[in-house]
């Protein structure tokens, strides 16, 4: 008769490979990864214990292996929750896990009965798998490719249905045996399906981990680490997309080019660390002052840009000037005292049919006019030569 030991060996090898692969990602700091690694270690330990006892495991082996399987499932669920930024577990789950272990001990030593053990274990494992599937499906990030999340959701749901079927089969008497995992055809089928879904779920978890790392890499490539603004390449790409959208929908947008006044003097007088802090302060004030949907980028050094979708030149000028006033009243503590930072800016609105380079060139020209007029002011491209809107003569000058 077929022995389940062969299936145990398959499960052991799969779990060991998963531990090794997951272990290679430990330094990535993926949330939930350590719990997934520990879960696979527990699964391997449980399968080794069962394989050593062959087809007649001792009561202690049954209790230990079953508890390890339940603990591994619980850790998988916790890891899934942590991965998606949720609390690891809930009180009713801890209570259910505790009652499951107590039930396993009771129906192994006090009142030996395989059926309630199978029903309890299958119910708990079904809950875990279905919960993993539901969390993965509902919490999947909409901005990421959906394949890996859909794969995990489907595999987890199918695994949960296998455990539901096994619990029902034991409850109604279809799966009837007198000893633990008696190798009947139905038992072997359920055991095989349960073990086969383990590597599939591990593969799915790896796919999620790699997707998270890919997202981090994409963010590092698109976001300036110091200021949190888009890097020049990403800003220009999004600005070009906005231009194409404006041509299709006949919508409007404006662009502002900002440059921190006398930034070199801050670096020369107080050091590059103070300069970095000044950049971070400037970026944080800009990020607070712009609206959701506005695009903020760093063009290079102390020069930045903001794209205002669905916004006229006049409205964009008001928004930028508000940010300027906020920054002009903020101070940065340095070892020798305080530094007040200001910026100059040029603003213009997109004209249908023109290129992005032309729009930025006009805004940049307005910026240079703001600098020539004494800095710490916002100038609209059409206002060059006139009194710049939003200019203040008594605003604090940079130290």
Protein backbone atom coordinates (compact mmCIF):
# COMPACT_ATOMS: atom_id res chain seq x y z
CA UNK A 1 0.00 0.00 0.00
CA UNK A 2 1.17 3.53 -0.73
CA UNK A 3 2.92 5.15 2.24
CA UNK A 4 2.51 8.86 3.07
CA UNK A 5 6.24 8.98 3.81
CA UNK A 6 6.91 9.80 0.13
CA UNK A 7 4.64 12.82 0.44
CA UNK A 8 6.39 13.81 3.67
CA UNK A 9 9.73 13.79 1.84
CA UNK A 10 8.33 16.02 -0.91
CA UNK A 11 7.02 18.42 1.72
CA UNK A 12 10.34 18.40 3.61
CA UNK A 13 12.32 19.21 0.47
CA UNK A 14 9.89 21.94 -0.53
CA UNK A 15 9.93 23.50 2.94
CA UNK A 16 13.73 23.37 3.14
CA UNK A 17 14.09 25.07 -0.25
CA UNK A 18 11.61 27.74 0.83
CA UNK A 19 13.61 28.40 4.01
CA UNK A 20 16.82 28.79 2.00
CA UNK A 21 15.25 31.12 -0.59
CA UNK A 22 13.41 33.19 2.01
CA UNK A 23 16.61 33.35 4.04
CA UNK A 24 18.41 34.99 1.14
CA UNK A 25 15.96 37.89 1.43
CA UNK A 26 16.30 38.49 5.18
CA UNK A 27 18.42 41.61 4.77
CA UNK A 28 15.76 43.16 2.54
CA UNK A 29 13.61 43.84 5.59
CA UNK A 30 10.39 42.69 3.89
CA UNK A 31 7.59 42.84 6.50
CA UNK A 32 6.37 39.39 7.55
CA UNK A 33 9.34 37.57 5.99
CA UNK A 34 10.72 36.24 9.28
CA UNK A 35 7.33 34.75 10.17
CA UNK A 36 7.16 33.01 6.78
CA UNK A 37 10.64 31.57 7.30
CA UNK A 38 9.72 30.30 10.78
CA UNK A 39 6.50 28.78 9.43
CA UNK A 40 8.45 26.74 6.88
CA UNK A 41 10.90 25.61 9.58
CA UNK A 42 7.97 24.37 11.68
CA UNK A 43 6.46 22.56 8.69
CA UNK A 44 9.77 20.80 7.95
CA UNK A 45 10.11 19.78 11.62
CA UNK A 46 6.56 18.40 11.68
CA UNK A 47 7.05 16.42 8.47
CA UNK A 48 10.38 15.02 9.68
CA UNK A 49 8.73 13.88 12.92
CA UNK A 50 5.95 12.11 10.96
CA UNK A 51 8.37 10.58 8.44
CA UNK A 52 10.52 9.09 11.23
CA UNK A 53 7.48 7.37 12.72
CA UNK A 54 6.38 6.13 9.28
CA UNK A 55 2.74 4.97 9.20
CA UNK A 56 2.30 4.44 12.95
CA UNK A 57 3.20 7.71 14.70
CA UNK A 58 3.20 7.69 18.49
CA UNK A 59 0.70 9.90 20.35
CA UNK A 60 3.45 12.38 21.24
CA UNK A 61 4.44 12.63 17.57
CA UNK A 62 0.82 13.27 16.61
CA UNK A 63 0.46 16.06 19.17
CA UNK A 64 3.79 17.67 18.32
CA UNK A 65 3.35 17.45 14.53
CA UNK A 66 -0.23 18.71 14.61
CA UNK A 67 0.71 21.61 16.89
CA UNK A 68 3.64 22.51 14.63
CA UNK A 69 1.39 22.49 11.55
CA UNK A 70 -1.14 24.73 13.33
CA UNK A 71 1.60 27.06 14.54
CA UNK A 72 3.07 27.29 11.04
CA UNK A 73 -0.33 28.17 9.60
CA UNK A 74 -0.82 30.82 12.26
CA UNK A 75 2.59 32.34 11.44
CA UNK A 76 1.76 32.38 7.72
CA UNK A 77 -1.40 34.36 8.48
CA UNK A 78 0.49 36.72 10.78
CA UNK A 79 3.19 37.23 8.15
CA UNK A 80 0.54 38.04 5.56
CA UNK A 81 -1.03 40.64 7.82
CA UNK A 82 2.32 42.23 8.67
CA UNK A 83 3.24 42.33 4.96
CA UNK A 84 0.14 44.40 4.24
CA UNK A 85 0.65 46.69 7.24
CA UNK A 86 -1.98 45.13 9.51
CA UNK A 87 -1.81 43.91 13.09
CA UNK A 88 -0.30 40.39 13.17
CA UNK A 89 -3.20 38.62 14.87
CA UNK A 90 -6.54 39.02 16.56
CA UNK A 91 -7.68 37.83 19.97
CA UNK A 92 -10.16 35.29 18.64
CA UNK A 93 -7.42 33.72 16.51
CA UNK A 94 -5.13 33.31 19.52
CA UNK A 95 -8.02 31.74 21.44
CA UNK A 96 -8.84 29.44 18.52
CA UNK A 97 -5.20 28.32 18.21
CA UNK A 98 -5.03 27.61 21.95
CA UNK A 99 -8.29 25.63 21.90
CA UNK A 100 -7.04 23.70 18.87
CA UNK A 101 -3.87 22.56 20.68
CA UNK A 102 -5.93 21.62 23.75
CA UNK A 103 -8.33 19.67 21.54
CA UNK A 104 -5.48 17.81 19.85
CA UNK A 105 -4.07 16.78 23.24
CA UNK A 106 -7.50 15.77 24.52
CA UNK A 107 -8.48 13.63 21.52
CA UNK A 108 -5.04 12.04 21.42
CA UNK A 109 -4.48 11.16 25.08
CA UNK A 110 -7.72 11.57 27.08
CA UNK A 111 -10.32 10.37 24.58
CA UNK A 112 -8.51 9.13 21.44
CA UNK A 113 -10.65 9.97 18.41
CA UNK A 114 -9.33 10.84 15.00
CA UNK A 115 -12.50 12.46 13.62
CA UNK A 116 -12.75 15.52 15.91
CA UNK A 117 -8.99 16.06 15.52
CA UNK A 118 -9.35 16.13 11.74
CA UNK A 119 -12.39 18.42 11.89
CA UNK A 120 -10.67 20.84 14.27
CA UNK A 121 -7.39 20.93 12.35
CA UNK A 122 -9.10 21.23 8.97
CA UNK A 123 -11.34 24.04 10.22
CA UNK A 124 -8.38 26.02 11.56
CA UNK A 125 -6.25 25.50 8.44
CA UNK A 126 -9.21 26.39 6.20
CA UNK A 127 -9.73 29.61 8.16
CA UNK A 128 -6.05 30.52 7.80
CA UNK A 129 -5.85 29.80 4.07
CA UNK A 130 -9.10 31.58 3.25
CA UNK A 131 -8.05 34.57 5.39
CA UNK A 132 -4.71 34.78 3.58
CA UNK A 133 -6.52 34.69 0.25
CA UNK A 134 -9.01 37.35 1.28
CA UNK A 135 -6.38 39.69 2.77
CA UNK A 136 -4.16 39.37 -0.29
CA UNK A 137 -7.02 40.02 -2.68
CA UNK A 138 -8.55 42.98 -0.83
CA UNK A 139 -5.30 44.63 0.28
CA UNK A 140 -3.37 44.30 -2.99
CA UNK A 141 -1.91 47.67 -4.04
CA UNK A 142 -3.79 49.02 -7.04
CA UNK A 143 -0.68 50.65 -8.50
CA UNK A 144 1.23 47.37 -8.72
CA UNK A 145 0.91 44.52 -11.26
CA UNK A 146 -1.79 42.23 -9.95
CA UNK A 147 -0.52 38.81 -11.07
CA UNK A 148 1.44 37.83 -7.95
CA UNK A 149 -1.34 38.98 -5.63
CA UNK A 150 -3.97 37.16 -7.65
CA UNK A 151 -1.82 34.01 -7.66
CA UNK A 152 -1.51 34.01 -3.87
CA UNK A 153 -5.21 34.74 -3.42
CA UNK A 154 -6.24 31.86 -5.70
CA UNK A 155 -3.74 29.34 -4.28
CA UNK A 156 -4.68 30.22 -0.70
CA UNK A 157 -8.40 30.01 -1.49
CA UNK A 158 -8.01 26.62 -3.19
CA UNK A 159 -5.98 25.35 -0.24
CA UNK A 160 -8.69 26.56 2.10
CA UNK A 161 -11.36 24.74 0.11
CA UNK A 162 -9.31 21.52 0.29
CA UNK A 163 -9.29 21.76 4.09
CA UNK A 164 -13.00 22.56 4.14
CA UNK A 165 -13.67 19.46 2.06
CA UNK A 166 -11.52 17.30 4.32
CA UNK A 167 -13.23 18.57 7.45
CA UNK A 168 -16.66 17.89 5.95
CA UNK A 169 -15.59 14.44 4.75
CA UNK A 170 -14.44 13.52 8.26
CA UNK A 171 -17.54 15.00 9.89
CA UNK A 172 -19.99 13.03 7.72
CA UNK A 173 -17.96 9.82 7.82
CA UNK A 174 -16.64 9.73 4.26
CA UNK A 175 -13.05 9.82 5.51
CA UNK A 176 -13.12 7.17 8.21
CA UNK A 177 -10.01 5.65 9.74
CA UNK A 178 -8.98 4.31 13.11
CA UNK A 179 -5.48 5.76 13.27
CA UNK A 180 -3.63 8.94 12.37
CA UNK A 181 -3.43 9.53 8.59
CA UNK A 182 -4.36 5.96 7.75
CA UNK A 183 -3.35 5.64 4.08
CA UNK A 184 -6.80 5.31 2.55
CA UNK A 185 -7.27 6.70 -0.98
CA UNK A 186 -9.23 9.71 0.29
CA UNK A 187 -6.69 10.45 3.03
CA UNK A 188 -3.80 10.23 0.58
CA UNK A 189 -5.64 12.54 -1.82
CA UNK A 190 -6.25 15.18 0.85
CA UNK A 191 -2.69 14.82 2.15
CA UNK A 192 -1.24 15.18 -1.34
CA UNK A 193 -3.35 18.26 -2.10
CA UNK A 194 -2.41 19.82 1.23
CA UNK A 195 1.32 19.24 0.72
CA UNK A 196 1.27 20.34 -2.94
CA UNK A 197 -0.34 23.67 -2.03
CA UNK A 198 2.49 24.42 0.44
CA UNK A 199 5.19 25.11 -2.19
CA UNK A 200 2.65 26.98 -4.29
CA UNK A 201 1.88 29.25 -1.35
CA UNK A 202 5.62 29.70 -0.67
CA UNK A 203 6.19 30.60 -4.33
CA UNK A 204 3.38 33.11 -4.07
CA UNK A 205 4.89 34.64 -0.92
CA UNK A 206 8.22 34.94 -2.74
CA UNK A 207 6.46 36.68 -5.61
CA UNK A 208 4.99 39.18 -3.15
CA UNK A 209 8.40 39.76 -1.56
CA UNK A 210 10.04 40.36 -4.93
CA UNK A 211 7.24 42.69 -5.97
CA UNK A 212 7.80 44.70 -2.78
CA UNK A 213 11.53 44.92 -3.53
CA UNK A 214 10.79 45.94 -7.12
CA UNK A 215 8.51 48.67 -5.82
CA UNK A 216 11.29 49.90 -3.55
CA UNK A 217 13.77 49.95 -6.42
CA UNK A 218 11.32 51.83 -8.62
CA UNK A 219 10.75 54.33 -5.84
CA UNK A 220 14.49 54.79 -5.31
CA UNK A 221 14.84 55.40 -9.03
CA UNK A 222 11.98 57.91 -9.09
CA UNK A 223 12.22 59.71 -5.73
CA UNK A 224 15.03 61.95 -4.51
CA UNK A 225 16.07 60.46 -1.18
CA UNK A 226 16.91 63.75 0.54
CA UNK A 227 13.84 65.80 -0.40
CA UNK A 228 11.20 63.23 -1.29
CA UNK A 229 10.60 65.02 -4.59
CA UNK A 230 10.58 63.26 -7.94
CA UNK A 231 13.96 63.05 -9.62
CA UNK A 232 14.34 65.08 -12.82
CA UNK A 233 13.79 62.13 -15.17
CA UNK A 234 10.57 61.04 -13.46
CA UNK A 235 9.25 64.59 -13.17
CA UNK A 236 9.83 65.24 -16.86
CA UNK A 237 8.16 61.93 -17.76
CA UNK A 238 5.08 62.78 -15.71
CA UNK A 239 5.04 66.33 -17.08
CA UNK A 240 5.13 64.96 -20.63
CA UNK A 241 2.24 62.63 -19.80
CA UNK A 242 0.30 65.61 -18.43
CA UNK A 243 1.01 67.55 -21.63
CA UNK A 244 -0.29 64.71 -23.79
CA UNK A 245 -3.38 64.44 -21.60
CA UNK A 246 -3.94 68.19 -21.91
CA UNK A 247 -3.81 67.91 -25.70
CA UNK A 248 -6.33 65.05 -25.70
CA UNK A 249 -8.79 66.59 -23.22
CA UNK A 250 -8.13 70.28 -23.94
CA UNK A 251 -7.35 70.82 -20.26
CA UNK A 252 -4.88 73.28 -18.80
CA UNK A 253 -1.93 73.08 -16.46
CA UNK A 254 0.81 75.33 -15.17
CA UNK A 255 4.46 74.85 -14.28
CA UNK A 256 6.56 76.66 -11.69
CA UNK A 257 10.37 76.58 -11.53
CA UNK A 258 11.73 77.29 -8.04
CA UNK A 259 15.28 78.03 -6.96
CA UNK A 260 16.47 78.48 -3.36
CA UNK A 261 18.07 81.90 -2.93
CA UNK A 262 21.77 82.11 -2.04
CA UNK A 263 21.96 78.39 -1.34
CA UNK A 264 25.70 78.27 -1.98
CA UNK A 265 26.19 80.75 0.85
CA UNK A 266 24.42 78.38 3.23
CA UNK A 267 26.76 75.55 2.24
CA UNK A 268 29.86 77.78 2.43
CA UNK A 269 28.96 79.35 5.78
CA UNK A 270 27.42 76.43 7.64
CA UNK A 271 28.55 73.29 5.83
CA UNK A 272 26.91 70.80 3.51
CA UNK A 273 25.00 69.13 6.37
CA UNK A 274 23.20 72.42 6.99
CA UNK A 275 22.63 72.72 3.24
CA UNK A 276 21.02 69.28 3.17
CA UNK A 277 18.78 70.25 6.09
CA UNK A 278 17.82 73.44 4.27
CA UNK A 279 16.84 71.41 1.20
CA UNK A 280 14.80 69.05 3.36
CA UNK A 281 13.05 71.98 5.11
CA UNK A 282 12.26 73.61 1.77
CA UNK A 283 10.90 70.36 0.33
CA UNK A 284 8.73 69.64 3.36
CA UNK A 285 7.16 73.12 3.23
CA UNK A 286 6.51 72.78 -0.50
CA UNK A 287 4.97 69.34 -0.01
CA UNK A 288 2.66 70.73 2.66
CA UNK A 289 1.71 73.74 0.56
CA UNK A 290 0.79 72.06 -2.70
CA UNK A 291 -2.40 70.12 -3.37
CA UNK A 292 -3.03 66.42 -3.78
CA UNK A 293 -2.38 65.69 -7.43
CA UNK A 294 0.24 68.42 -7.90
CA UNK A 295 3.61 67.05 -9.03
CA UNK A 296 6.78 68.15 -7.22
CA UNK A 297 10.22 67.38 -8.64
CA UNK A 298 13.87 68.22 -8.12
CA UNK A 299 15.53 69.31 -11.35
CA UNK A 300 19.00 69.40 -9.85
CA UNK A 301 20.90 71.00 -6.95
CA UNK A 302 18.66 73.64 -5.37
CA UNK A 303 16.34 73.96 -8.40
CA UNK A 304 12.88 72.40 -8.23
CA UNK A 305 9.68 72.35 -10.26
CA UNK A 306 5.98 71.98 -9.55
CA UNK A 307 3.35 70.97 -12.09
CA UNK A 308 -0.21 72.09 -11.32
CA UNK A 309 -2.82 70.05 -13.25
CA UNK A 310 -6.11 71.74 -14.13
CA UNK A 311 -4.70 75.06 -12.96
CA UNK A 312 -4.36 78.48 -14.58
CA UNK A 313 -1.21 80.59 -14.47
CA UNK A 314 -2.83 83.03 -12.02
CA UNK A 315 -3.95 80.29 -9.62
CA UNK A 316 -0.56 78.57 -9.78
CA UNK A 317 1.15 81.88 -8.99
CA UNK A 318 -1.05 82.29 -5.90
CA UNK A 319 -0.24 78.78 -4.71
CA UNK A 320 3.51 79.20 -5.18
CA UNK A 321 3.48 82.59 -3.49
CA UNK A 322 1.71 81.09 -0.49
CA UNK A 323 4.48 78.51 -0.19
CA UNK A 324 7.08 81.27 -0.54
CA UNK A 325 5.57 83.25 2.34
CA UNK A 326 5.50 80.14 4.52
CA UNK A 327 9.15 79.36 3.85
CA UNK A 328 10.21 82.98 4.42
CA UNK A 329 8.81 82.86 7.96
CA UNK A 330 10.47 79.52 8.79
CA UNK A 331 13.94 79.23 10.29
CA UNK A 332 16.53 76.48 10.34
CA UNK A 333 18.67 75.99 13.45
CA UNK A 334 22.41 75.71 12.74
CA UNK A 335 25.38 75.51 15.15
CA UNK A 336 26.03 79.27 14.79
CA UNK A 337 22.42 80.37 15.13
CA UNK A 338 19.54 80.31 12.64
CA UNK A 339 19.19 80.48 8.89
CA UNK A 340 16.18 81.81 7.02
CA UNK A 341 15.69 80.36 3.55
CA UNK A 342 13.78 81.94 0.70
CA UNK A 343 13.23 81.03 -2.92
CA UNK A 344 12.51 82.71 -6.21
CA UNK A 345 10.14 81.22 -8.76
CA UNK A 346 8.87 81.63 -12.29
CA UNK A 347 5.39 80.47 -13.35
CA UNK A 348 3.70 79.97 -16.70
CA UNK A 349 0.77 78.08 -18.18
CA UNK A 350 0.84 75.51 -20.97
CA UNK A 351 -0.20 76.79 -24.38
CA UNK A 352 -1.91 74.23 -26.66
CA UNK A 353 0.42 72.66 -29.18
CA UNK A 354 3.70 73.75 -27.62
CA UNK A 355 6.44 71.46 -26.34
CA UNK A 356 7.28 70.85 -22.72
CA UNK A 357 10.73 72.34 -23.31
CA UNK A 358 9.17 75.65 -24.41
CA UNK A 359 6.93 75.83 -21.35
CA UNK A 360 9.81 75.12 -18.96
CA UNK A 361 12.03 77.61 -20.77
CA UNK A 362 9.47 80.41 -20.26
CA UNK A 363 9.04 79.53 -16.61
CA UNK A 364 12.80 79.41 -16.19
CA UNK A 365 13.13 82.83 -17.81
CA UNK A 366 10.57 84.18 -15.35
CA UNK A 367 12.64 82.66 -12.53
CA UNK A 368 15.75 84.53 -13.68
CA UNK A 369 13.72 87.71 -13.77
CA UNK A 370 12.67 87.08 -10.16
CA UNK A 371 16.33 86.68 -9.24
CA UNK A 372 17.23 89.91 -11.05
CA UNK A 373 14.46 91.78 -9.24
CA UNK A 374 15.98 91.02 -5.85
CA UNK A 375 15.04 87.36 -5.13
CA UNK A 376 12.39 86.06 -2.72
CA UNK A 377 9.54 86.60 -5.14
CA UNK A 378 7.34 84.79 -7.67
CA UNK A 379 7.10 86.08 -11.24
CA UNK A 380 4.65 85.09 -13.94
CA UNK A 381 6.11 84.82 -17.42
CA UNK A 382 3.58 87.35 -18.74
CA UNK A 383 4.42 89.73 -15.93
CA UNK A 384 8.10 90.07 -16.73
CA UNK A 385 8.97 93.78 -16.59
CA UNK A 386 5.93 94.60 -14.42
CA UNK A 387 5.70 94.54 -10.63
CA UNK A 388 5.80 90.80 -9.88
CA UNK A 389 2.77 89.35 -8.24
CA UNK A 390 3.43 88.24 -4.68
CA UNK A 391 6.77 90.04 -4.31
CA UNK A 392 7.51 91.38 -0.85
CA UNK A 393 10.21 93.89 -0.11
CA UNK A 394 10.30 93.31 3.64
CA UNK A 395 10.58 89.52 3.58
CA UNK A 396 13.59 88.19 5.52
CA UNK A 397 16.69 87.70 3.43
CA UNK A 398 18.72 84.48 3.55
CA UNK A 399 21.62 84.48 5.96
